[in-house]
Amino acid sequence: MKVNTQFNTLEEAMDSIKLNSIHILIILLVAIGSMFNGIEQYIAGYAAPYLVEQWGISDAQVGLLTTFTFGGMAVGSLIAGVIGDIFGRRITFMYNLALFTLGAIVAALAPNIIILYMARFVIGLGLGGELNTGLTIVSESVPTKNRGASTATVSLSAGGVGIFLSAGLSYIILGPLSEFFGGETTAWRWLFGLLALPALLLFLYRFYLPETPRFLLSKGKINETNFVLSMFKSKTLIRRKVKTEEILKATATVVPKEKVNFKEIFSQDLAKRTIGVWIIAWMTFGAQVGITVFLPTVLTSQGFTIVNSLLYSTIINLGGLTGAILATLFAHKFGRKTVLIWGSLVAVIVSILFGLSNTTLLILIFGAFMQAMFMLLNVTTWLFAPENYPTRIRSFGTGAAVFVSLVSATVMPYIFGTVFSMWDTLGLYLVVAAMYVLLAIAALTLVVETKGKSLERIAS
């Protein structure tokens, strides 16, 4: 659809350009990086048994692999949030993937556990910024009515597809194809380094990504804003093929540069939202990571072999892929609060049923159902978080929420391990159920509905 009118507001201008191939390409470039994110978060756990055998490391040292990864992600999300709001989303997005690629290569070649820790921390720096910046870019680049489904697609790639592929690739490379990759002594190295090449290629493609119109306008750059809008209208990311049109009236949108004040997320208008988003992020991501990390251990404790535990974990994670797809569909149909509240209550019931399961069939059924609900809530959380903040602090606000979720991902596995050692499987899932009750309460009382509203209207 051609734009034949000059508009007084960016909201009107962006919504007049219907979702087209350029929007979809941007979503795809972000989603692929998010998929790498999901894969990399968990492969260290799957490779751990081989590291224990080869290097003789302790269980505590194995746990530090996850700590360094998620610790790096926490730091990376805050750094990317600050840089993204000051210098732009695009430049932040580029260095995130560069860090990830470098870390993956070093991890594959690591001669000892210390170097591997350092590599996982560098990978974490890139991953944390990737999630935060990717969500911000997509939320600021698509029309209002497509925003929920678009950002949910990014989360689907990270959570549903990424986590499933993490288990699947680990099973294939460390299982049936282990000998092809050099046996137990080198197969785990291929697992760590396999994504470096496609990540490098994706890094090159991302040079074509434009800065988001909302960020440019927040810095008072009306001409640059119109150029990017003209790119969307022309359906091309090749800059020399774009002729700048005055889609957004310069006289009607004289916008002073918005000052970046990171303390604003705790201002009177935003403090309640921030607390609500943080509680939701802590509960949903902490529960998901804790259960995903402990799932092979839970299955092994019930008599399954390590290889079968990896296989069953892959099957159960198919439920997560289903949940992520449902989140994408629900984002277009239902309010964010509705999905978070009712999804949490269903997750409470399913978690308890999984904890009570004592046969392979029930474990697979309720495990897959549980992962579906986990991913439904997780995807909805990350499409919801950036919607709560104005453009000038959206990257930092989202990054702060990602930071909180990653602190949870660092702390909760330890708590889950303590509970599991004391009260076995049922105790573990009772803790998960309690976390989702708190999530439902936060969604009901602390946050506002954002579906169908422009980012400018939500901010005001």
Foldseek 3Di string as FASTA:
>chain_A
DFQPAADLDPLVLQQVQADDPLLVVLLVLLQLLLLQLQLLLCLLLLLVVLCCVPVVDDPVLSLLLNVLQLVLLLVLLQVLLVCCLPPHLLVLLLVLLVLLLVLLLQCLVPPDSVSNSVSSSSNNSSSNNSLLSSLLQSLLAHRQLLLQLSLLSSLLSNWQNNNLVNLVVSLVQQPVCVVVQPHSVRSSSCSSNVCSVVSVVSSVVSVLDDTGLQSCVLQQNQQSSQQVSQCSNVVHSPSVVGDGDNNYDCVSRRHHNDDQDQCCCCDPVNVLVLVLLLLLLLLLLLLLLLCLSCQLVLVVVLPDDSSVSSVLSSLLSNLLSLLSVVLSVCLSPDWLLVLLQVLLQVLLVLLLQCLVDNDPVSVSVSSSPNSSSSNSSNSSSSSPQLLQARSSSSSNSSSNSSSSNSVSSSPSNVVLVVQCVVPNSNSSSNVSSVSSVSSSVSSVPRHDTRRPHRSVVSND
